[in-house]
């Protein structure tokens, strides 16, 4: 019988190395999409409040955040299934 994910089979304690190796790609995805949305938001601030371009950039930044959240959730689910299958 295999040990549960993130548990060291020898000692029965948390496997911090495996936790870190799983957290880094997830953090990378969050930083990627958060940075893209932040860039669009900063451009919106430079354009100034009001106006059609500022509105479009605001909608685009919200869209990037929504798509990013979906990608992160799909990654977590797919990786969880891979870990459960062993």
PDB file of N, CA and C in Angstrom:
ATOM      1  N   UNK A   1       0.845  -1.174   0.000  1.00  0.00           N
ATOM      2  CA  UNK A   1       0.000   0.000   0.000  1.00  0.00           C
ATOM      3  C   UNK A   1       0.895   1.243   0.000  1.00  0.00           C
ATOM      4  N   UNK A   2       0.598   2.198  -0.848  1.00  0.00           N
ATOM      5  CA  UNK A   2       1.414   3.406  -0.936  1.00  0.00           C
ATOM      6  C   UNK A   2       0.995   4.405   0.136  1.00  0.00           C
ATOM      7  N   UNK A   3       1.933   5.274   0.471  1.00  0.00           N
ATOM      8  CA  UNK A   3       1.642   6.281   1.491  1.00  0.00           C
ATOM      9  C   UNK A   3       0.850   7.425   0.868  1.00  0.00           C
ATOM     10  N   UNK A   4       0.092   8.151   1.669  1.00  0.00           N
ATOM     11  CA  UNK A   4      -0.648   9.300   1.142  1.00  0.00           C
ATOM     12  C   UNK A   4       0.317  10.378   0.658  1.00  0.00           C
ATOM     13  N   UNK A   5      -0.144  11.224  -0.255  1.00  0.00           N
ATOM     14  CA  UNK A   5       0.732  12.302  -0.736  1.00  0.00           C
ATOM     15  C   UNK A   5       1.168  13.225   0.403  1.00  0.00           C
ATOM     16  N   UNK A   6       2.378  13.720   0.280  1.00  0.00           N
ATOM     17  CA  UNK A   6       2.956  14.694   1.214  1.00  0.00           C
ATOM     18  C   UNK A   6       3.285  14.110   2.579  1.00  0.00           C
ATOM     19  N   UNK A   7       3.276  12.794   2.712  1.00  0.00           N
ATOM     20  CA  UNK A   7       3.654  12.140   3.960  1.00  0.00           C
ATOM     21  C   UNK A   7       4.880  11.278   3.690  1.00  0.00           C
ATOM     22  N   UNK A   8       5.919  11.455   4.507  1.00  0.00           N
ATOM     23  CA  UNK A   8       7.127  10.645   4.391  1.00  0.00           C
ATOM     24  C   UNK A   8       6.817   9.253   4.921  1.00  0.00           C
ATOM     25  N   UNK A   9       7.028   8.245   4.073  1.00  0.00           N
ATOM     26  CA  UNK A   9       6.652   6.883   4.434  1.00  0.00           C
ATOM     27  C   UNK A   9       7.500   6.354   5.595  1.00  0.00           C
ATOM     28  N   UNK A  10       8.760   6.741   5.660  1.00  0.00           N
ATOM     29  CA  UNK A  10       9.641   6.226   6.709  1.00  0.00           C
ATOM     30  C   UNK A  10       9.296   6.789   8.083  1.00  0.00           C
ATOM     31  N   UNK A  11       9.104   8.095   8.167  1.00  0.00           N
ATOM     32  CA  UNK A  11       8.894   8.707   9.477  1.00  0.00           C
ATOM     33  C   UNK A  11       7.428   8.997   9.793  1.00  0.00           C
ATOM     34  N   UNK A  12       6.574   9.066   8.776  1.00  0.00           N
ATOM     35  CA  UNK A  12       5.169   9.379   8.986  1.00  0.00           C
ATOM     36  C   UNK A  12       4.901  10.867   9.148  1.00  0.00           C
ATOM     37  N   UNK A  13       5.933  11.699   8.934  1.00  0.00           N
ATOM     38  CA  UNK A  13       5.772  13.143   9.059  1.00  0.00           C
ATOM     39  C   UNK A  13       5.568  13.767   7.679  1.00  0.00           C
ATOM     40  N   UNK A  14       5.299  15.068   7.682  1.00  0.00           N
ATOM     41  CA  UNK A  14       5.119  15.782   6.421  1.00  0.00           C
ATOM     42  C   UNK A  14       6.419  15.775   5.621  1.00  0.00           C
ATOM     43  N   UNK A  15       6.294  15.543   4.319  1.00  0.00           N
ATOM     44  CA  UNK A  15       7.440  15.586   3.408  1.00  0.00           C
ATOM     45  C   UNK A  15       7.534  16.998   2.841  1.00  0.00           C
ATOM     46  N   UNK A  16       8.327  17.836   3.492  1.00  0.00           N
ATOM     47  CA  UNK A  16       8.408  19.241   3.117  1.00  0.00           C
ATOM     48  C   UNK A  16       9.012  19.436   1.734  1.00  0.00           C
ATOM     49  N   UNK A  17       9.882  18.543   1.314  1.00  0.00           N
ATOM     50  CA  UNK A  17      10.456  18.637  -0.025  1.00  0.00           C
ATOM     51  C   UNK A  17       9.408  18.447  -1.105  1.00  0.00           C
ATOM     52  N   UNK A  18       8.527  17.484  -0.926  1.00  0.00           N
ATOM     53  CA  UNK A  18       7.453  17.259  -1.895  1.00  0.00           C
ATOM     54  C   UNK A  18       6.452  18.414  -1.872  1.00  0.00           C
ATOM     55  N   UNK A  19       6.170  18.938  -0.704  1.00  0.00           N
ATOM     56  CA  UNK A  19       5.258  20.080  -0.611  1.00  0.00           C
ATOM     57  C   UNK A  19       5.827  21.272  -1.365  1.00  0.00           C
ATOM     58  N   UNK A  20       7.120  21.533  -1.193  1.00  0.00           N
ATOM     59  CA  UNK A  20       7.766  22.642  -1.889  1.00  0.00           C
ATOM     60  C   UNK A  20       7.788  22.409  -3.399  1.00  0.00           C
ATOM     61  N   UNK A  21       8.074  21.186  -3.812  1.00  0.00           N
ATOM     62  CA  UNK A  21       8.117  20.904  -5.255  1.00  0.00           C
ATOM     63  C   UNK A  21       6.735  21.009  -5.902  1.00  0.00           C
ATOM     64  N   UNK A  22       5.682  20.831  -5.156  1.00  0.00           N
ATOM     65  CA  UNK A  22       4.334  20.997  -5.698  1.00  0.00           C
ATOM     66  C   UNK A  22       3.875  22.457  -5.619  1.00  0.00           C
ATOM     67  N   UNK A  23       4.382  23.211  -4.647  1.00  0.00           N
ATOM     68  CA  UNK A  23       3.943  24.591  -4.463  1.00  0.00           C
ATOM     69  C   UNK A  23       4.589  25.550  -5.456  1.00  0.00           C
ATOM     70  N   UNK A  24       5.808  25.260  -5.904  1.00  0.00           N
ATOM     71  CA  UNK A  24       6.511  26.188  -6.791  1.00  0.00           C
ATOM     72  C   UNK A  24       5.834  26.363  -8.156  1.00  0.00           C
ATOM     73  N   UNK A  25       5.431  25.302  -8.852  1.00  0.00           N
ATOM     74  CA  UNK A  25       4.722  25.530 -10.124  1.00  0.00           C
ATOM     75  C   UNK A  25       3.385  26.248  -9.936  1.00  0.00           C
ATOM     76  N   UNK A  26       2.716  25.967  -8.844  1.00  0.00           N
ATOM     77  CA  UNK A  26       1.451  26.634  -8.554  1.00  0.00           C
ATOM     78  C   UNK A  26       1.677  28.124  -8.300  1.00  0.00           C
ATOM     79  N   UNK A  27       2.706  28.444  -7.547  1.00  0.00           N
ATOM     80  CA  UNK A  27       3.039  29.848  -7.304  1.00  0.00           C
ATOM     81  C   UNK A  27       3.432  30.542  -8.606  1.00  0.00           C
ATOM     82  N   UNK A  28       4.106  29.821  -9.487  1.00  0.00           N
ATOM     83  CA  UNK A  28       4.473  30.387 -10.779  1.00  0.00           C
ATOM     84  C   UNK A  28       3.255  30.764 -11.607  1.00  0.00           C
ATOM     85  N   UNK A  29       2.248  29.903 -11.605  1.00  0.00           N
ATOM     86  CA  UNK A  29       1.018  30.216 -12.340  1.00  0.00           C
ATOM     87  C   UNK A  29       0.313  31.434 -11.758  1.00  0.00           C
ATOM     88  N   UNK A  30       0.247  31.497 -10.435  1.00  0.00           N
ATOM     89  CA  UNK A  30      -0.414  32.628  -9.780  1.00  0.00           C
ATOM     90  C   UNK A  30       0.324  33.926 -10.099  1.00  0.00           C
ATOM     91  N   UNK A  31       1.649  33.888 -10.046  1.00  0.00           N
ATOM     92  CA  UNK A  31       2.449  35.085 -10.341  1.00  0.00           C
ATOM     93  C   UNK A  31       2.300  35.486 -11.801  1.00  0.00           C
ATOM     94  N   UNK A  32       2.263  34.511 -12.704  1.00  0.00           N
ATOM     95  CA  UNK A  32       2.125  34.803 -14.131  1.00  0.00           C
ATOM     96  C   UNK A  32       0.823  35.548 -14.422  1.00  0.00           C
ATOM     97  N   UNK A  33      -0.286  34.992 -13.988  1.00  0.00           N
ATOM     98  CA  UNK A  33      -1.575  35.615 -14.289  1.00  0.00           C
ATOM     99  C   UNK A  33      -1.802  36.881 -13.458  1.00  0.00           C
ATOM    100  N   UNK A  34      -1.347  36.879 -12.217  1.00  0.00           N
ATOM    101  CA  UNK A  34      -1.460  38.094 -11.405  1.00  0.00           C
ATOM    102  C   UNK A  34      -0.622  39.224 -11.969  1.00  0.00           C
ATOM    103  N   UNK A  35       0.575  38.905 -12.448  1.00  0.00           N
ATOM    104  CA  UNK A  35       1.427  39.923 -13.045  1.00  0.00           C
ATOM    105  C   UNK A  35       0.853  40.480 -14.330  1.00  0.00           C
ATOM    106  N   UNK A  36       0.257  39.610 -15.152  1.00  0.00           N
ATOM    107  CA  UNK A  36      -0.357  40.079 -16.400  1.00  0.00           C
ATOM    108  C   UNK A  36      -1.534  41.008 -16.099  1.00  0.00           C
ATOM    109  N   UNK A  37      -2.353  40.641 -15.119  1.00  0.00           N
ATOM    110  CA  UNK A  37      -3.485  41.497 -14.758  1.00  0.00           C
ATOM    111  C   UNK A  37      -3.007  42.806 -14.139  1.00  0.00           C
ATOM    112  N   UNK A  38      -1.945  42.740 -13.343  1.00  0.00           N
ATOM    113  CA  UNK A  38      -1.398  43.954 -12.739  1.00  0.00           C
ATOM    114  C   UNK A  38      -0.842  44.891 -13.805  1.00  0.00           C
ATOM    115  N   UNK A  39      -0.191  44.329 -14.805  1.00  0.00           N
ATOM    116  CA  UNK A  39       0.335  45.147 -15.888  1.00  0.00           C
ATOM    117  C   UNK A  39      -0.789  45.882 -16.620  1.00  0.00           C
ATOM    118  N   UNK A  40      -1.860  45.164 -16.922  1.00  0.00           N
ATOM    119  CA  UNK A  40      -3.001  45.810 -17.572  1.00  0.00           C
ATOM    120  C   UNK A  40      -3.612  46.887 -16.678  1.00  0.00           C
ATOM    121  N   UNK A  41      -3.684  46.614 -15.381  1.00  0.00           N
ATOM    122  CA  UNK A  41      -4.254  47.599 -14.460  1.00  0.00           C
ATOM    123  C   UNK A  41      -3.372  48.843 -14.367  1.00  0.00           C
ATOM    124  N   UNK A  42      -2.056  48.653 -14.350  1.00  0.00           N
ATOM    125  CA  UNK A  42      -1.160  49.812 -14.290  1.00  0.00           C
ATOM    126  C   UNK A  42      -1.242  50.644 -15.562  1.00  0.00           C
ATOM    127  N   UNK A  43      -1.392  49.985 -16.692  1.00  0.00           N
ATOM    128  CA  UNK A  43      -1.585  50.723 -17.944  1.00  0.00           C
ATOM    129  C   UNK A  43      -2.888  51.514 -17.877  1.00  0.00           C
ATOM    130  N   UNK A  44      -3.911  50.925 -17.263  1.00  0.00           N
ATOM    131  CA  UNK A  44      -5.180  51.629 -17.091  1.00  0.00           C
ATOM    132  C   UNK A  44      -4.998  52.887 -16.246  1.00  0.00           C
ATOM    133  N   UNK A  45      -4.186  52.781 -15.205  1.00  0.00           N
ATOM    134  CA  UNK A  45      -3.940  53.956 -14.369  1.00  0.00           C
ATOM    135  C   UNK A  45      -3.186  55.043 -15.137  1.00  0.00           C
ATOM    136  N   UNK A  46      -2.287  54.641 -16.018  1.00  0.00           N
ATOM    137  CA  UNK A  46      -1.550  55.618 -16.808  1.00  0.00           C
ATOM    138  C   UNK A  46      -2.445  56.314 -17.831  1.00  0.00           C
ATOM    139  N   UNK A  47      -3.415  55.577 -18.376  1.00  0.00           N
ATOM    140  CA  UNK A  47      -4.335  56.150 -19.359  1.00  0.00           C
ATOM    141  C   UNK A  47      -5.215  57.195 -18.691  1.00  0.00           C
ATOM    142  N   UNK A  48      -5.581  56.945 -17.453  1.00  0.00           N
ATOM    143  CA  UNK A  48      -6.420  57.887 -16.721  1.00  0.00           C
ATOM    144  C   UNK A  48      -7.825  57.344 -16.554  1.00  0.00           C
ATOM    145  N   UNK A  49      -8.528  57.852 -15.563  1.00  0.00           N
ATOM    146  CA  UNK A  49      -9.887  57.356 -15.310  1.00  0.00           C
ATOM    147  C   UNK A  49     -10.837  57.790 -16.423  1.00  0.00           C
ATOM    148  N   UNK A  50     -11.840  57.002 -16.620  1.00  0.00           N
ATOM    149  CA  UNK A  50     -12.831  57.313 -17.643  1.00  0.00           C
ATOM    150  C   UNK A  50     -12.291  56.995 -19.026  1.00  0.00           C
ATOM    151  N   UNK A  51     -13.128  57.092 -19.967  1.00  0.00           N
ATOM    152  CA  UNK A  51     -12.711  56.841 -21.334  1.00  0.00           C
ATOM    153  C   UNK A  51     -12.902  55.385 -21.725  1.00  0.00           C
ATOM    154  N   UNK A  52     -12.992  55.171 -22.993  1.00  0.00           N
ATOM    155  CA  UNK A  52     -13.244  53.839 -23.528  1.00  0.00           C
ATOM    156  C   UNK A  52     -12.049  52.919 -23.335  1.00  0.00           C
ATOM    157  N   UNK A  53     -10.836  53.422 -23.552  1.00  0.00           N
ATOM    158  CA  UNK A  53      -9.636  52.586 -23.422  1.00  0.00           C
ATOM    159  C   UNK A  53      -9.443  52.109 -21.986  1.00  0.00           C
ATOM    160  N   UNK A  54      -9.668  52.981 -21.034  1.00  0.00           N
ATOM    161  CA  UNK A  54      -9.543  52.592 -19.627  1.00  0.00           C
ATOM    162  C   UNK A  54     -10.570  51.521 -19.262  1.00  0.00           C
ATOM    163  N   UNK A  55     -11.766  51.660 -19.771  1.00  0.00           N
ATOM    164  CA  UNK A  55     -12.799  50.648 -19.519  1.00  0.00           C
ATOM    165  C   UNK A  55     -12.445  49.309 -20.131  1.00  0.00           C
ATOM    166  N   UNK A  56     -11.944  49.337 -21.353  1.00  0.00           N
ATOM    167  CA  UNK A  56     -11.557  48.080 -22.013  1.00  0.00           C
ATOM    168  C   UNK A  56     -10.390  47.407 -21.300  1.00  0.00           C
ATOM    169  N   UNK A  57      -9.420  48.201 -20.852  1.00  0.00           N
ATOM    170  CA  UNK A  57      -8.284  47.624 -20.134  1.00  0.00           C
ATOM    171  C   UNK A  57      -8.702  47.050 -18.783  1.00  0.00           C
ATOM    172  N   UNK A  58      -9.651  47.700 -18.133  1.00  0.00           N
ATOM    173  CA  UNK A  58     -10.163  47.176 -16.870  1.00  0.00           C
ATOM    174  C   UNK A  58     -10.867  45.843 -17.084  1.00  0.00           C
ATOM    175  N   UNK A  59     -11.679  45.760 -18.117  1.00  0.00           N
ATOM    176  CA  UNK A  59     -12.370  44.500 -18.434  1.00  0.00           C
ATOM    177  C   UNK A  59     -11.356  43.427 -18.812  1.00  0.00           C
ATOM    178  N   UNK A  60     -10.325  43.815 -19.559  1.00  0.00           N
ATOM    179  CA  UNK A  60      -9.299  42.847 -19.952  1.00  0.00           C
ATOM    180  C   UNK A  60      -8.539  42.319 -18.736  1.00  0.00           C
ATOM    181  N   UNK A  61      -8.237  43.185 -17.774  1.00  0.00           N
ATOM    182  CA  UNK A  61      -7.527  42.711 -16.582  1.00  0.00           C
ATOM    183  C   UNK A  61      -8.401  41.767 -15.757  1.00  0.00           C
ATOM    184  N   UNK A  62      -9.691  42.052 -15.677  1.00  0.00           N
ATOM    185  CA  UNK A  62     -10.599  41.146 -14.972  1.00  0.00           C
ATOM    186  C   UNK A  62     -10.718  39.807 -15.696  1.00  0.00           C
ATOM    187  N   UNK A  63     -10.701  39.849 -17.020  1.00  0.00           N
ATOM    188  CA  UNK A  63     -10.756  38.616 -17.805  1.00  0.00           C
ATOM    189  C   UNK A  63      -9.497  37.779 -17.575  1.00  0.00           C
ATOM    190  N   UNK A  64      -8.338  38.429 -17.537  1.00  0.00           N
ATOM    191  CA  UNK A  64      -7.090  37.704 -17.279  1.00  0.00           C
ATOM    192  C   UNK A  64      -7.131  37.055 -15.903  1.00  0.00           C
ATOM    193  N   UNK A  65      -7.652  37.753 -14.910  1.00  0.00           N
ATOM    194  CA  UNK A  65      -7.770  37.165 -13.567  1.00  0.00           C
ATOM    195  C   UNK A  65      -8.729  35.975 -13.551  1.00  0.00           C
ATOM    196  N   UNK A  66      -9.843  36.089 -14.269  1.00  0.00           N
ATOM    197  CA  UNK A  66     -10.811  34.986 -14.300  1.00  0.00           C
ATOM    198  C   UNK A  66     -10.232  33.765 -15.005  1.00  0.00           C
ATOM    199  N   UNK A  67      -9.579  33.982 -16.137  1.00  0.00           N
ATOM    200  CA  UNK A  67      -8.967  32.861 -16.854  1.00  0.00           C
ATOM    201  C   UNK A  67      -7.841  32.257 -16.017  1.00  0.00           C
ATOM    202  N   UNK A  68      -7.054  33.109 -15.371  1.00  0.00           N
ATOM    203  CA  UNK A  68      -5.971  32.617 -14.527  1.00  0.00           C
ATOM    204  C   UNK A  68      -6.479  31.772 -13.371  1.00  0.00           C
ATOM    205  N   UNK A  69      -7.562  32.200 -12.756  1.00  0.00           N
ATOM    206  CA  UNK A  69      -8.138  31.409 -11.664  1.00  0.00           C
ATOM    207  C   UNK A  69      -8.605  30.051 -12.173  1.00  0.00           C
ATOM    208  N   UNK A  70      -9.195  30.034 -13.358  1.00  0.00           N
ATOM    209  CA  UNK A  70      -9.627  28.762 -13.941  1.00  0.00           C
ATOM    210  C   UNK A  70      -8.454  27.850 -14.247  1.00  0.00           C
ATOM    211  N   UNK A  71      -7.382  28.403 -14.793  1.00  0.00           N
ATOM    212  CA  UNK A  71      -6.197  27.593 -15.113  1.00  0.00           C
ATOM    213  C   UNK A  71      -5.566  27.040 -13.843  1.00  0.00           C
ATOM    214  N   UNK A  72      -5.472  27.857 -12.813  1.00  0.00           N
ATOM    215  CA  UNK A  72      -4.902  27.393 -11.546  1.00  0.00           C
ATOM    216  C   UNK A  72      -5.756  26.275 -10.955  1.00  0.00           C
ATOM    217  N   UNK A  73      -7.062  26.432 -10.979  1.00  0.00           N
ATOM    218  CA  UNK A  73      -7.935  25.378 -10.442  1.00  0.00           C
ATOM    219  C   UNK A  73      -7.831  24.091 -11.246  1.00  0.00           C
ATOM    220  N   UNK A  74      -7.760  24.204 -12.577  1.00  0.00           N
ATOM    221  CA  UNK A  74      -7.604  23.001 -13.395  1.00  0.00           C
ATOM    222  C   UNK A  74      -6.270  22.317 -13.124  1.00  0.00           C
ATOM    223  N   UNK A  75      -5.206  23.112 -12.927  1.00  0.00           N
ATOM    224  CA  UNK A  75      -3.904  22.536 -12.604  1.00  0.00           C
ATOM    225  C   UNK A  75      -3.961  21.779 -11.279  1.00  0.00           C
ATOM    226  N   UNK A  76      -4.587  22.395 -10.270  1.00  0.00           N
ATOM    227  CA  UNK A  76      -4.671  21.760  -8.956  1.00  0.00           C
ATOM    228  C   UNK A  76      -5.457  20.452  -9.035  1.00  0.00           C
ATOM    229  N   UNK A  77      -6.555  20.448  -9.759  1.00  0.00           N
ATOM    230  CA  UNK A  77      -7.367  19.233  -9.881  1.00  0.00           C
ATOM    231  C   UNK A  77      -6.607  18.149 -10.633  1.00  0.00           C
ATOM    232  N   UNK A  78      -5.975  18.517 -11.761  1.00  0.00           N
ATOM    233  CA  UNK A  78      -5.236  17.527 -12.548  1.00  0.00           C
ATOM    234  C   UNK A  78      -4.062  16.968 -11.759  1.00  0.00           C
ATOM    235  N   UNK A  79      -3.364  17.823 -11.043  1.00  0.00           N
ATOM    236  CA  UNK A  79      -2.214  17.344 -10.251  1.00  0.00           C
ATOM    237  C   UNK A  79      -2.671  16.491  -9.081  1.00  0.00           C
ATOM    238  N   UNK A  80      -3.804  16.828  -8.491  1.00  0.00           N
ATOM    239  CA  UNK A  80      -4.358  16.014  -7.414  1.00  0.00           C
ATOM    240  C   UNK A  80      -4.736  14.624  -7.897  1.00  0.00           C
ATOM    241  N   UNK A  81      -5.292  14.541  -9.077  1.00  0.00           N
ATOM    242  CA  UNK A  81      -5.642  13.226  -9.649  1.00  0.00           C
ATOM    243  C   UNK A  81      -4.383  12.428  -9.920  1.00  0.00           C
ATOM    244  N   UNK A  82      -3.328  13.082 -10.442  1.00  0.00           N
ATOM    245  CA  UNK A  82      -2.062  12.383 -10.688  1.00  0.00           C
ATOM    246  C   UNK A  82      -1.465  11.867  -9.400  1.00  0.00           C
ATOM    247  N   UNK A  83      -1.501  12.661  -8.344  1.00  0.00           N
ATOM    248  CA  UNK A  83      -0.946  12.219  -7.068  1.00  0.00           C
ATOM    249  C   UNK A  83      -1.765  11.080  -6.453  1.00  0.00           C
ATOM    250  N   UNK A  84      -3.069  11.133  -6.632  1.00  0.00           N
ATOM    251  CA  UNK A  84      -3.923  10.084  -6.073  1.00  0.00           C
ATOM    252  C   UNK A  84      -3.708   8.748  -6.790  1.00  0.00           C
ATOM    253  N   UNK A  85      -3.429   8.816  -8.107  1.00  0.00           N
ATOM    254  CA  UNK A  85      -3.201   7.578  -8.865  1.00  0.00           C
ATOM    255  C   UNK A  85      -1.841   6.964  -8.559  1.00  0.00           C
ATOM    256  N   UNK A  86      -0.956   7.766  -8.017  1.00  0.00           N
ATOM    257  CA  UNK A  86       0.344   7.240  -7.615  1.00  0.00           C
ATOM    258  C   UNK A  86       1.320   7.343  -8.687  1.00  0.00           C
TER     259      UNK A  86
END
